[in-house]
Structures are given as structure tokens and as C-alpha cells.
N, C-alpha and C. Protein backbone atom coordinates (compact mmCIF):
# COMPACT_ATOMS: atom_id res chain seq x y z
N MET A 1 89.37 135.14 50.80
CA MET A 1 90.26 134.79 49.70
C MET A 1 91.70 134.94 50.14
N LYS A 2 92.60 134.45 49.33
CA LYS A 2 94.01 134.46 49.69
C LYS A 2 94.77 135.28 48.68
N THR A 3 95.60 136.20 49.18
CA THR A 3 96.40 137.03 48.28
C THR A 3 97.60 136.26 47.79
N ASN A 4 98.31 136.83 46.80
CA ASN A 4 99.48 136.15 46.27
C ASN A 4 100.68 136.20 47.19
N CYS A 5 100.54 136.88 48.34
CA CYS A 5 101.65 136.88 49.30
C CYS A 5 101.34 135.97 50.49
N GLY A 6 100.32 135.13 50.35
CA GLY A 6 100.02 134.15 51.38
C GLY A 6 99.19 134.69 52.53
N VAL A 7 98.49 135.81 52.33
CA VAL A 7 97.68 136.41 53.38
C VAL A 7 96.21 136.17 53.07
N PHE A 8 95.46 135.69 54.05
CA PHE A 8 94.04 135.47 53.88
C PHE A 8 93.28 136.75 54.15
N MET A 9 92.33 137.10 53.26
CA MET A 9 91.55 138.33 53.40
C MET A 9 90.08 137.97 53.50
N SER A 10 89.34 138.66 54.39
CA SER A 10 87.93 138.41 54.52
C SER A 10 87.11 139.29 53.58
N GLY A 11 87.76 140.20 52.90
CA GLY A 11 87.07 141.08 51.97
C GLY A 11 88.07 141.97 51.26
N PRO A 12 87.64 142.70 50.23
CA PRO A 12 88.55 143.55 49.47
C PRO A 12 89.00 144.73 50.30
N PHE A 13 90.23 145.16 50.07
CA PHE A 13 90.77 146.34 50.76
C PHE A 13 90.37 147.58 50.00
N THR A 14 89.68 148.50 50.67
CA THR A 14 89.31 149.76 50.04
C THR A 14 89.71 150.90 50.95
N SER A 15 89.91 152.05 50.37
CA SER A 15 90.29 153.23 51.15
C SER A 15 89.43 154.40 50.72
N ASP A 16 88.66 154.98 51.66
CA ASP A 16 87.81 156.11 51.32
C ASP A 16 88.36 157.42 51.87
N ILE A 17 89.40 157.39 52.67
CA ILE A 17 90.08 158.61 53.09
C ILE A 17 91.58 158.38 52.95
N MET A 18 92.34 159.45 53.07
CA MET A 18 93.77 159.35 52.81
C MET A 18 94.48 158.45 53.81
N SER A 19 94.21 158.64 55.12
CA SER A 19 94.94 157.90 56.14
C SER A 19 94.21 156.63 56.54
N GLU A 20 94.96 155.54 56.67
CA GLU A 20 94.40 154.26 57.07
C GLU A 20 95.12 153.75 58.31
N VAL A 21 94.41 152.96 59.09
CA VAL A 21 94.99 152.30 60.26
C VAL A 21 94.89 150.80 60.08
N LEU A 22 96.02 150.13 60.31
CA LEU A 22 96.04 148.67 60.32
C LEU A 22 96.37 148.22 61.74
N VAL A 23 95.46 147.48 62.35
CA VAL A 23 95.65 146.97 63.70
C VAL A 23 96.30 145.60 63.63
N LEU A 24 97.39 145.42 64.38
CA LEU A 24 98.00 144.10 64.52
C LEU A 24 97.45 143.45 65.78
N THR A 25 96.93 142.24 65.64
CA THR A 25 96.45 141.53 66.81
C THR A 25 96.89 140.08 66.73
N GLY A 26 97.01 139.47 67.90
CA GLY A 26 97.47 138.09 67.98
C GLY A 26 97.81 137.77 69.42
N LEU A 27 97.86 136.51 69.74
CA LEU A 27 98.19 136.09 71.10
C LEU A 27 99.68 136.29 71.37
N PRO A 28 100.11 136.30 72.62
CA PRO A 28 101.52 136.54 72.96
C PRO A 28 102.47 135.61 72.21
N GLY A 29 103.51 136.19 71.62
CA GLY A 29 104.50 135.39 70.91
C GLY A 29 104.14 135.05 69.49
N SER A 30 103.04 135.59 68.97
CA SER A 30 102.61 135.23 67.61
C SER A 30 103.48 135.86 66.53
N GLY A 31 104.08 137.03 66.84
CA GLY A 31 104.92 137.69 65.84
C GLY A 31 104.58 139.15 65.60
N LYS A 32 103.77 139.73 66.48
CA LYS A 32 103.38 141.14 66.30
C LYS A 32 104.58 142.08 66.32
N SER A 33 105.52 141.83 67.23
CA SER A 33 106.68 142.71 67.34
C SER A 33 107.54 142.66 66.08
N VAL A 34 107.67 141.48 65.50
CA VAL A 34 108.44 141.35 64.26
C VAL A 34 107.74 142.12 63.14
N ALA A 35 106.42 141.97 63.04
CA ALA A 35 105.67 142.68 62.01
C ALA A 35 105.78 144.19 62.20
N SER A 36 105.74 144.64 63.45
CA SER A 36 105.89 146.08 63.73
C SER A 36 107.26 146.58 63.30
N ALA A 37 108.29 145.79 63.58
CA ALA A 37 109.64 146.19 63.20
C ALA A 37 109.78 146.31 61.69
N ILE A 38 109.12 145.41 60.95
CA ILE A 38 109.16 145.47 59.49
C ILE A 38 108.47 146.74 59.02
N ALA A 39 107.34 147.08 59.63
CA ALA A 39 106.63 148.31 59.26
C ALA A 39 107.54 149.52 59.44
N GLU A 40 108.23 149.59 60.55
CA GLU A 40 109.12 150.72 60.81
C GLU A 40 110.27 150.76 59.82
N GLU A 41 110.76 149.59 59.43
CA GLU A 41 111.86 149.53 58.46
C GLU A 41 111.47 150.15 57.12
N ILE A 42 110.19 150.04 56.76
CA ILE A 42 109.75 150.57 55.46
C ILE A 42 109.02 151.91 55.62
N GLY A 43 109.20 152.54 56.79
CA GLY A 43 108.72 153.90 56.98
C GLY A 43 107.28 154.05 57.42
N ILE A 44 106.65 152.98 57.91
CA ILE A 44 105.29 153.07 58.41
C ILE A 44 105.34 153.22 59.94
N PRO A 45 104.77 154.29 60.49
CA PRO A 45 104.84 154.48 61.94
C PRO A 45 104.01 153.44 62.70
N VAL A 46 104.50 153.07 63.88
CA VAL A 46 103.84 152.06 64.71
C VAL A 46 103.55 152.65 66.08
N VAL A 47 102.31 152.52 66.52
CA VAL A 47 101.93 152.87 67.89
C VAL A 47 101.71 151.57 68.65
N THR A 48 102.52 151.32 69.66
CA THR A 48 102.44 150.08 70.43
C THR A 48 101.63 150.32 71.69
N MET A 49 100.46 149.71 71.77
CA MET A 49 99.58 149.95 72.91
C MET A 49 100.17 149.45 74.22
N GLY A 50 101.00 148.43 74.15
CA GLY A 50 101.64 147.92 75.35
C GLY A 50 102.54 148.93 76.03
N ASP A 51 102.98 149.95 75.29
CA ASP A 51 103.81 151.00 75.90
C ASP A 51 103.06 151.73 77.00
N VAL A 52 101.74 151.86 76.83
CA VAL A 52 100.92 152.52 77.85
C VAL A 52 101.03 151.76 79.17
N ILE A 53 100.95 150.43 79.09
CA ILE A 53 101.01 149.61 80.30
C ILE A 53 102.41 149.65 80.91
N ARG A 54 103.43 149.54 80.06
CA ARG A 54 104.80 149.57 80.59
C ARG A 54 105.13 150.92 81.22
N ASN A 55 104.64 152.00 80.61
CA ASN A 55 104.87 153.33 81.19
C ASN A 55 104.15 153.49 82.52
N GLU A 56 102.93 153.00 82.60
CA GLU A 56 102.17 153.09 83.85
C GLU A 56 102.82 152.25 84.94
N THR A 57 103.36 151.09 84.57
CA THR A 57 104.06 150.24 85.53
C THR A 57 105.26 150.99 86.11
N ALA A 58 106.00 151.67 85.24
CA ALA A 58 107.16 152.44 85.70
C ALA A 58 106.74 153.59 86.60
N LYS A 59 105.64 154.27 86.23
CA LYS A 59 105.16 155.39 87.04
C LYS A 59 104.80 154.95 88.46
N ARG A 60 104.33 153.72 88.58
CA ARG A 60 103.95 153.20 89.89
C ARG A 60 105.15 152.67 90.67
N GLY A 61 106.33 152.77 90.09
CA GLY A 61 107.54 152.33 90.76
C GLY A 61 107.66 150.82 90.85
N LEU A 62 107.02 150.11 89.94
CA LEU A 62 107.04 148.65 89.96
C LEU A 62 108.06 148.10 88.97
N GLU A 63 108.64 146.97 89.31
CA GLU A 63 109.54 146.28 88.39
C GLU A 63 108.76 145.82 87.17
N ALA A 64 109.37 145.95 86.00
CA ALA A 64 108.70 145.58 84.75
C ALA A 64 108.80 144.08 84.51
N ASN A 65 108.05 143.30 85.28
CA ASN A 65 108.00 141.85 85.05
C ASN A 65 106.58 141.44 84.69
N SER A 66 106.40 140.19 84.33
CA SER A 66 105.11 139.73 83.84
C SER A 66 104.00 139.94 84.85
N LYS A 67 104.27 139.64 86.11
CA LYS A 67 103.25 139.76 87.14
C LYS A 67 102.79 141.20 87.29
N ASN A 68 103.73 142.14 87.39
CA ASN A 68 103.38 143.54 87.61
C ASN A 68 102.71 144.16 86.38
N ILE A 69 103.24 143.86 85.21
CA ILE A 69 102.65 144.42 83.99
C ILE A 69 101.24 143.88 83.79
N GLY A 70 101.04 142.60 84.06
CA GLY A 70 99.70 142.03 83.97
C GLY A 70 98.76 142.66 84.97
N MET A 71 99.23 142.88 86.19
CA MET A 71 98.41 143.48 87.24
C MET A 71 98.00 144.91 86.85
N VAL A 72 98.96 145.69 86.32
CA VAL A 72 98.66 147.06 85.92
C VAL A 72 97.66 147.07 84.76
N ALA A 73 97.82 146.17 83.81
CA ALA A 73 96.90 146.10 82.66
C ALA A 73 95.48 145.83 83.12
N VAL A 74 95.32 144.89 84.05
CA VAL A 74 94.00 144.57 84.58
C VAL A 74 93.45 145.73 85.39
N ASP A 75 94.30 146.35 86.21
CA ASP A 75 93.87 147.44 87.08
C ASP A 75 93.38 148.65 86.27
N LEU A 76 94.12 149.02 85.24
CA LEU A 76 93.70 150.15 84.41
C LEU A 76 92.33 149.90 83.78
N ARG A 77 92.13 148.70 83.26
CA ARG A 77 90.86 148.38 82.61
C ARG A 77 89.72 148.33 83.63
N THR A 78 90.01 147.84 84.82
CA THR A 78 88.98 147.77 85.86
C THR A 78 88.56 149.16 86.31
N GLN A 79 89.54 150.05 86.48
CA GLN A 79 89.26 151.40 86.97
C GLN A 79 88.64 152.32 85.92
N TYR A 80 89.13 152.22 84.69
CA TYR A 80 88.78 153.23 83.70
C TYR A 80 88.05 152.69 82.47
N GLY A 81 87.83 151.38 82.39
CA GLY A 81 87.10 150.82 81.26
C GLY A 81 87.99 150.01 80.33
N GLU A 82 87.35 149.13 79.58
CA GLU A 82 88.07 148.21 78.70
C GLU A 82 88.80 148.91 77.56
N ASP A 83 88.43 150.15 77.28
CA ASP A 83 89.05 150.86 76.15
C ASP A 83 90.11 151.86 76.59
N ILE A 84 90.50 151.86 77.86
CA ILE A 84 91.40 152.89 78.38
C ILE A 84 92.77 152.90 77.70
N VAL A 85 93.29 151.74 77.36
CA VAL A 85 94.63 151.70 76.76
C VAL A 85 94.61 152.33 75.37
N LEU A 86 93.55 152.07 74.62
CA LEU A 86 93.41 152.71 73.31
C LEU A 86 93.27 154.22 73.47
N ARG A 87 92.47 154.66 74.40
CA ARG A 87 92.26 156.10 74.58
C ARG A 87 93.54 156.80 75.02
N LYS A 88 94.33 156.14 75.84
CA LYS A 88 95.61 156.71 76.24
C LYS A 88 96.61 156.72 75.08
N SER A 89 96.41 155.84 74.12
CA SER A 89 97.28 155.77 72.94
C SER A 89 96.85 156.76 71.87
N TRP A 90 95.65 157.31 71.97
CA TRP A 90 95.08 158.12 70.89
C TRP A 90 95.92 159.34 70.52
N PRO A 91 96.50 160.09 71.44
CA PRO A 91 97.32 161.24 71.01
C PRO A 91 98.42 160.85 70.03
N ARG A 92 99.09 159.74 70.28
CA ARG A 92 100.14 159.29 69.35
C ARG A 92 99.54 158.82 68.03
N ILE A 93 98.38 158.15 68.10
CA ILE A 93 97.72 157.68 66.88
C ILE A 93 97.30 158.85 66.02
N SER A 94 96.63 159.84 66.62
CA SER A 94 96.12 160.98 65.85
C SER A 94 97.26 161.79 65.24
N GLU A 95 98.35 161.93 65.98
CA GLU A 95 99.51 162.65 65.43
C GLU A 95 100.07 161.94 64.21
N ALA A 96 100.19 160.61 64.31
CA ALA A 96 100.71 159.84 63.18
C ALA A 96 99.78 159.91 61.98
N LEU A 97 98.46 159.91 62.22
CA LEU A 97 97.50 159.97 61.14
C LEU A 97 97.59 161.28 60.35
N GLU A 98 98.02 162.34 61.00
CA GLU A 98 98.13 163.63 60.33
C GLU A 98 99.24 163.66 59.29
N ASN A 99 100.20 162.77 59.43
CA ASN A 99 101.40 162.86 58.60
C ASN A 99 101.70 161.64 57.74
N HIS A 100 100.87 160.59 57.83
CA HIS A 100 101.15 159.36 57.10
C HIS A 100 99.87 158.78 56.50
N SER A 101 100.01 158.12 55.37
CA SER A 101 98.85 157.51 54.71
C SER A 101 98.45 156.19 55.36
N LEU A 102 99.40 155.55 56.07
CA LEU A 102 99.11 154.30 56.76
C LEU A 102 99.88 154.28 58.07
N ILE A 103 99.20 153.88 59.15
CA ILE A 103 99.89 153.67 60.41
C ILE A 103 99.50 152.31 60.97
N ILE A 104 100.33 151.80 61.85
CA ILE A 104 100.11 150.50 62.49
C ILE A 104 99.81 150.70 63.97
N ILE A 105 98.80 150.01 64.48
CA ILE A 105 98.58 149.93 65.93
C ILE A 105 98.87 148.50 66.34
N ASP A 106 99.86 148.35 67.19
CA ASP A 106 100.31 147.03 67.63
C ASP A 106 99.70 146.72 68.99
N GLY A 107 98.91 145.63 69.05
CA GLY A 107 98.49 145.13 70.35
C GLY A 107 97.06 145.39 70.77
N MET A 108 96.16 145.67 69.84
CA MET A 108 94.76 145.80 70.22
C MET A 108 94.25 144.43 70.68
N ARG A 109 93.45 144.43 71.78
CA ARG A 109 93.06 143.16 72.38
C ARG A 109 91.57 143.00 72.63
N SER A 110 90.75 143.96 72.20
CA SER A 110 89.33 143.82 72.50
C SER A 110 88.46 144.62 71.53
N SER A 111 87.20 144.21 71.44
CA SER A 111 86.23 144.95 70.64
C SER A 111 85.99 146.33 71.23
N ALA A 112 86.08 146.46 72.55
CA ALA A 112 85.90 147.77 73.18
C ALA A 112 86.95 148.76 72.68
N GLU A 113 88.19 148.30 72.53
CA GLU A 113 89.25 149.15 72.00
C GLU A 113 89.00 149.49 70.54
N GLU A 114 88.55 148.51 69.77
CA GLU A 114 88.22 148.76 68.37
C GLU A 114 87.11 149.81 68.26
N ASN A 115 86.06 149.66 69.07
CA ASN A 115 84.94 150.60 69.02
C ASN A 115 85.38 152.01 69.42
N ALA A 116 86.27 152.11 70.40
CA ALA A 116 86.78 153.42 70.80
C ALA A 116 87.56 154.06 69.65
N LEU A 117 88.35 153.25 68.94
CA LEU A 117 89.11 153.77 67.80
C LEU A 117 88.17 154.25 66.70
N ILE A 118 87.12 153.49 66.43
CA ILE A 118 86.14 153.89 65.41
C ILE A 118 85.50 155.23 65.81
N GLU A 119 85.15 155.35 67.07
CA GLU A 119 84.57 156.61 67.57
C GLU A 119 85.53 157.78 67.37
N LEU A 120 86.79 157.57 67.67
CA LEU A 120 87.76 158.66 67.65
C LEU A 120 88.18 159.05 66.23
N MET A 121 88.31 158.07 65.35
CA MET A 121 88.80 158.42 64.02
C MET A 121 87.72 158.40 62.94
N GLY A 122 86.51 157.92 63.31
CA GLY A 122 85.39 158.02 62.39
C GLY A 122 85.29 156.94 61.35
N LYS A 123 86.05 155.89 61.48
CA LYS A 123 85.95 154.77 60.54
C LYS A 123 86.55 153.53 61.16
N ARG A 124 86.18 152.38 60.62
CA ARG A 124 86.69 151.11 61.13
C ARG A 124 88.10 150.87 60.60
N PRO A 125 89.03 150.45 61.47
CA PRO A 125 90.37 150.11 60.99
C PRO A 125 90.37 148.74 60.32
N LYS A 126 91.38 148.48 59.54
CA LYS A 126 91.62 147.12 59.06
C LYS A 126 92.36 146.34 60.14
N ILE A 127 92.14 145.06 60.19
CA ILE A 127 92.76 144.22 61.23
C ILE A 127 93.59 143.12 60.58
N LEU A 128 94.82 142.99 61.03
CA LEU A 128 95.70 141.89 60.62
C LEU A 128 95.89 140.97 61.81
N ALA A 129 95.45 139.73 61.67
CA ALA A 129 95.63 138.72 62.71
C ALA A 129 96.86 137.89 62.39
N ILE A 130 97.75 137.78 63.38
CA ILE A 130 98.92 136.93 63.23
C ILE A 130 98.70 135.69 64.10
N ILE A 131 98.76 134.54 63.47
CA ILE A 131 98.38 133.28 64.11
C ILE A 131 99.58 132.36 64.23
N ALA A 132 99.76 131.76 65.40
CA ALA A 132 100.82 130.77 65.60
C ALA A 132 100.39 129.81 66.70
N SER A 133 100.91 128.60 66.64
CA SER A 133 100.56 127.58 67.63
C SER A 133 101.13 127.93 69.00
N GLU A 134 100.60 127.30 70.04
CA GLU A 134 101.09 127.56 71.39
C GLU A 134 102.56 127.17 71.52
N ASP A 135 102.96 126.04 70.95
CA ASP A 135 104.36 125.63 71.04
C ASP A 135 105.29 126.64 70.39
N ALA A 136 104.92 127.12 69.21
CA ALA A 136 105.75 128.10 68.51
C ALA A 136 105.82 129.40 69.29
N ARG A 137 104.70 129.82 69.84
CA ARG A 137 104.68 131.07 70.58
C ARG A 137 105.50 130.97 71.86
N ASN A 138 105.38 129.86 72.56
CA ASN A 138 106.13 129.70 73.80
C ASN A 138 107.63 129.73 73.55
N SER A 139 108.08 129.08 72.48
CA SER A 139 109.51 129.08 72.14
C SER A 139 110.00 130.50 71.89
N ARG A 140 109.18 131.30 71.21
CA ARG A 140 109.59 132.67 70.92
C ARG A 140 109.65 133.53 72.18
N LEU A 141 108.71 133.31 73.09
CA LEU A 141 108.73 134.08 74.33
C LEU A 141 109.99 133.81 75.13
N ILE A 142 110.41 132.55 75.15
CA ILE A 142 111.64 132.20 75.86
C ILE A 142 112.84 132.86 75.20
N GLU A 143 112.88 132.83 73.87
CA GLU A 143 114.03 133.36 73.14
C GLU A 143 114.14 134.88 73.24
N ARG A 144 113.01 135.59 73.22
CA ARG A 144 113.10 137.05 73.16
C ARG A 144 113.38 137.67 74.54
N LYS A 145 113.04 136.98 75.62
CA LYS A 145 113.37 137.42 76.99
C LYS A 145 112.94 138.86 77.26
N ARG A 146 111.71 139.20 76.86
CA ARG A 146 111.19 140.52 77.16
C ARG A 146 110.67 140.56 78.59
N SER A 147 110.69 141.73 79.21
CA SER A 147 110.38 141.84 80.64
C SER A 147 109.01 141.33 81.00
N ASP A 148 108.05 141.42 80.10
CA ASP A 148 106.69 141.05 80.47
C ASP A 148 106.34 139.60 80.16
N ASP A 149 107.33 138.78 79.73
CA ASP A 149 107.00 137.38 79.53
C ASP A 149 108.14 136.43 79.91
N ALA A 150 109.38 136.72 79.52
CA ALA A 150 110.45 135.74 79.69
C ALA A 150 110.77 135.45 81.15
N GLU A 151 110.65 136.45 82.02
CA GLU A 151 110.99 136.26 83.41
C GLU A 151 110.14 135.18 84.06
N VAL A 152 108.90 135.08 83.64
CA VAL A 152 108.01 134.07 84.21
C VAL A 152 108.50 132.67 83.87
N ILE A 153 108.96 132.50 82.63
CA ILE A 153 109.35 131.17 82.18
C ILE A 153 110.75 130.80 82.67
N VAL A 154 111.69 131.73 82.50
CA VAL A 154 113.09 131.39 82.74
C VAL A 154 113.45 131.45 84.22
N GLU A 155 113.15 132.59 84.87
CA GLU A 155 113.61 132.76 86.24
C GLU A 155 112.81 131.92 87.23
N LYS A 156 111.52 131.77 87.00
CA LYS A 156 110.71 131.02 87.94
C LYS A 156 110.69 129.53 87.61
N LYS A 157 111.23 129.17 86.45
CA LYS A 157 111.37 127.77 86.04
C LYS A 157 110.04 127.01 86.14
N LEU A 158 108.98 127.64 85.66
CA LEU A 158 107.68 126.99 85.64
C LEU A 158 107.59 126.11 84.40
N PRO A 159 106.61 125.20 84.35
CA PRO A 159 106.43 124.39 83.14
C PRO A 159 106.33 125.28 81.91
N LYS A 160 106.82 124.80 80.79
CA LYS A 160 106.99 125.66 79.62
C LYS A 160 105.68 126.27 79.12
N HIS A 161 104.55 125.64 79.41
CA HIS A 161 103.28 126.16 78.94
C HIS A 161 102.68 127.20 79.87
N HIS A 162 103.24 127.38 81.05
CA HIS A 162 102.58 128.18 82.07
C HIS A 162 102.44 129.65 81.69
N ALA A 163 103.53 130.28 81.27
CA ALA A 163 103.49 131.70 80.95
C ALA A 163 102.55 131.97 79.78
N ILE A 164 102.60 131.10 78.78
CA ILE A 164 101.68 131.24 77.65
C ILE A 164 100.25 131.17 78.16
N SER A 165 99.95 130.15 78.96
CA SER A 165 98.58 129.96 79.42
C SER A 165 98.10 131.14 80.25
N GLU A 166 98.96 131.67 81.11
CA GLU A 166 98.60 132.80 81.96
C GLU A 166 98.23 134.02 81.14
N ARG A 167 99.07 134.35 80.18
CA ARG A 167 98.82 135.53 79.35
C ARG A 167 97.68 135.28 78.37
N ASP A 168 97.60 134.07 77.82
CA ASP A 168 96.51 133.75 76.91
C ASP A 168 95.16 133.91 77.59
N ILE A 169 95.05 133.38 78.80
CA ILE A 169 93.78 133.46 79.54
C ILE A 169 93.39 134.92 79.76
N ARG A 170 94.37 135.74 80.15
CA ARG A 170 94.10 137.15 80.40
C ARG A 170 93.64 137.86 79.12
N GLU A 171 94.35 137.64 78.03
CA GLU A 171 94.02 138.36 76.80
C GLU A 171 92.77 137.81 76.14
N ARG A 172 92.54 136.51 76.25
CA ARG A 172 91.27 135.97 75.76
C ARG A 172 90.09 136.52 76.55
N GLY A 173 90.33 136.74 77.84
CA GLY A 173 89.28 137.32 78.67
C GLY A 173 88.92 138.74 78.24
N TRP A 174 89.88 139.46 77.70
CA TRP A 174 89.61 140.81 77.21
C TRP A 174 88.89 140.79 75.86
N GLY A 175 88.94 139.66 75.15
CA GLY A 175 88.20 139.55 73.90
C GLY A 175 89.03 139.53 72.64
N VAL A 176 90.32 139.19 72.75
CA VAL A 176 91.18 139.23 71.58
C VAL A 176 90.72 138.26 70.49
N GLU A 177 90.08 137.15 70.89
CA GLU A 177 89.65 136.17 69.89
C GLU A 177 88.59 136.74 68.95
N SER A 178 87.78 137.67 69.44
CA SER A 178 86.79 138.30 68.57
C SER A 178 87.47 139.07 67.45
N LEU A 179 88.56 139.77 67.78
CA LEU A 179 89.32 140.49 66.77
C LEU A 179 89.96 139.52 65.78
N LEU A 180 90.53 138.43 66.29
CA LEU A 180 91.16 137.45 65.42
C LEU A 180 90.15 136.87 64.43
N GLU A 181 88.96 136.59 64.89
CA GLU A 181 87.94 135.99 64.03
C GLU A 181 87.45 136.95 62.95
N ARG A 182 87.46 138.25 63.25
CA ARG A 182 86.92 139.24 62.31
C ARG A 182 88.00 139.95 61.50
N ALA A 183 89.22 139.45 61.55
CA ALA A 183 90.33 140.13 60.88
C ALA A 183 90.14 140.19 59.37
N ASP A 184 90.58 141.29 58.79
CA ASP A 184 90.55 141.46 57.33
C ASP A 184 91.68 140.68 56.66
N PHE A 185 92.78 140.52 57.37
CA PHE A 185 93.94 139.80 56.86
C PHE A 185 94.41 138.83 57.93
N ARG A 186 95.01 137.74 57.50
CA ARG A 186 95.51 136.73 58.43
C ARG A 186 96.83 136.19 57.90
N ILE A 187 97.83 136.14 58.76
CA ILE A 187 99.12 135.54 58.41
C ILE A 187 99.41 134.43 59.42
N ASP A 188 99.62 133.23 58.93
CA ASP A 188 99.99 132.11 59.78
C ASP A 188 101.51 132.09 59.93
N ASN A 189 101.98 132.26 61.14
CA ASN A 189 103.42 132.38 61.40
C ASN A 189 103.95 131.08 62.01
N GLU A 190 104.05 130.06 61.20
CA GLU A 190 104.57 128.76 61.65
C GLU A 190 105.85 128.37 60.94
N ASP A 191 106.13 129.02 59.81
CA ASP A 191 107.29 128.65 59.01
C ASP A 191 108.51 129.48 59.43
N SER A 192 109.45 129.62 58.54
CA SER A 192 110.69 130.33 58.87
C SER A 192 110.43 131.82 59.07
N ILE A 193 111.31 132.46 59.82
CA ILE A 193 111.20 133.90 60.05
C ILE A 193 111.36 134.65 58.74
N GLU A 194 112.17 134.12 57.83
CA GLU A 194 112.37 134.77 56.54
C GLU A 194 111.06 134.79 55.74
N SER A 195 110.35 133.65 55.75
CA SER A 195 109.08 133.57 55.04
C SER A 195 108.06 134.52 55.64
N PHE A 196 108.02 134.57 56.96
CA PHE A 196 107.09 135.47 57.64
C PHE A 196 107.40 136.93 57.31
N ARG A 197 108.67 137.29 57.37
CA ARG A 197 109.06 138.67 57.07
C ARG A 197 108.68 139.05 55.64
N GLU A 198 108.90 138.16 54.70
CA GLU A 198 108.58 138.45 53.30
C GLU A 198 107.08 138.66 53.12
N THR A 199 106.28 137.82 53.78
CA THR A 199 104.83 137.93 53.66
C THR A 199 104.32 139.23 54.27
N VAL A 200 104.82 139.56 55.46
CA VAL A 200 104.41 140.80 56.11
C VAL A 200 104.81 142.00 55.27
N LYS A 201 106.04 142.01 54.81
CA LYS A 201 106.53 143.16 54.03
C LYS A 201 105.71 143.35 52.76
N ALA A 202 105.38 142.25 52.08
CA ALA A 202 104.59 142.36 50.85
C ALA A 202 103.21 142.95 51.13
N LEU A 203 102.58 142.50 52.20
CA LEU A 203 101.26 143.03 52.56
C LEU A 203 101.34 144.52 52.89
N LEU A 204 102.28 144.89 53.74
CA LEU A 204 102.39 146.28 54.17
C LEU A 204 102.72 147.21 53.01
N GLU A 205 103.62 146.77 52.14
CA GLU A 205 103.95 147.61 50.98
C GLU A 205 102.75 147.79 50.07
N GLY A 206 101.94 146.73 49.94
CA GLY A 206 100.73 146.85 49.12
C GLY A 206 99.72 147.82 49.72
N LEU A 207 99.56 147.75 51.04
CA LEU A 207 98.60 148.64 51.70
C LEU A 207 99.10 150.08 51.72
N ASN A 208 100.41 150.26 51.72
CA ASN A 208 100.99 151.60 51.84
C ASN A 208 101.21 152.24 50.48
N TYR A 209 100.87 151.55 49.41
CA TYR A 209 101.12 152.06 48.07
C TYR A 209 100.23 153.28 47.79
N THR A 210 100.83 154.32 47.30
CA THR A 210 100.07 155.50 46.89
C THR A 210 100.49 155.90 45.49
N ASP A 211 99.54 156.35 44.71
CA ASP A 211 99.84 156.78 43.33
C ASP A 211 100.69 158.05 43.33
């Protein structure tokens, strides 16, 4: 069904314990970072799983570019399992759960990570899928110029679809599409940034409401 804020839901939202987790998932450039920033603006803590990869890249003395960050992400999962990034994020997640009724996890990419979270916190999280076309996502990656995506497009001057395709293939290989298909909420991010921000804010405020 569709809520009055333009979000598609696969079922009713219920809460059986005080603290809830909402997972943000989506392909690169879909709008997860914008949604996370909105959550922080309204006082909802955000744990960004990509920070684990960026921190590990720095520890290895590697430049924070798309190639190195992608290599480290693959290497960690190969060595320690598909759920390693979630498990490394768990201390921050559990700390936030102790003090807030709702927290956001930005960047879950696989069912293995979801299952690890269920094991650790004892319940299934809600999932918000942010959806955008490849053209829209590629334009955003170029504009934001973040270390793990823009350098591939701008500095190497590859065809505009290349960086998207490279990261999409990697993340689809980890199983992100399974999360997208099973999401409890879905926001299509094709219109204006103002419209997207309003929709995200309305959803988050509704989920964070406490009597």
C-alpha cells in the first residue's frame, strides 16, 4: 500500500519493543546519504556501514578512491564473511539502541548482513529502499564528488555509465537487490530534491513518533 507521504509499504508498521532499526538500502547514488542527513537533522542517529570500509582503507595506508575502497570491501568479505561489515558496525548500533527509540543503518547490502543484525538484536529491522534510475544516480555521483565514486568518473574520464556499472555489479553481487525487493518502505527518488526530502522527513517523523 502507499502512505500519504508517497512511500510504498509492503505491510503495516508495528513495534513490539522500544527501540527500532530502519535500514536504508539502495544502489550507489540513489539518495541514501541525503536520507541519512535528514535523519540526523531531526535527531535520529545514523550508523553508516561504509565508514567501516573507509576506516579499514585508511588503516591499510591506501588512498581513499573507488578502486581501493572497492578492493578493501571485497577483501574484508572474502576473509571474514559476507556479514563482517555489519558485525564491525554492531558496537555503534548497540550503543545507539540503548539511548534512542529509532536508529538508522545506512548502507546494508546483503541478506547475510540482515541476518547478522537479526541475530544480534533479536528482531528483524524495517527496510527502506531508495530507488532511482541509472541516469539519475550517475548524475548525482558526479555532482557529489565523494572519494569512493567521483574520482572514477571525473579524473579517469571514463564513459559516464562506467562507475555506476562497476559499483552496481559489485553491490548486486553481494545481494542488495534481495533487500530492495523485500523492503517495508520504498521511496522513488526521481523528482526534485525538495520533494524527496519532504517524503523522507515525513516517513522518519512518523516512525520516530512516541506518545
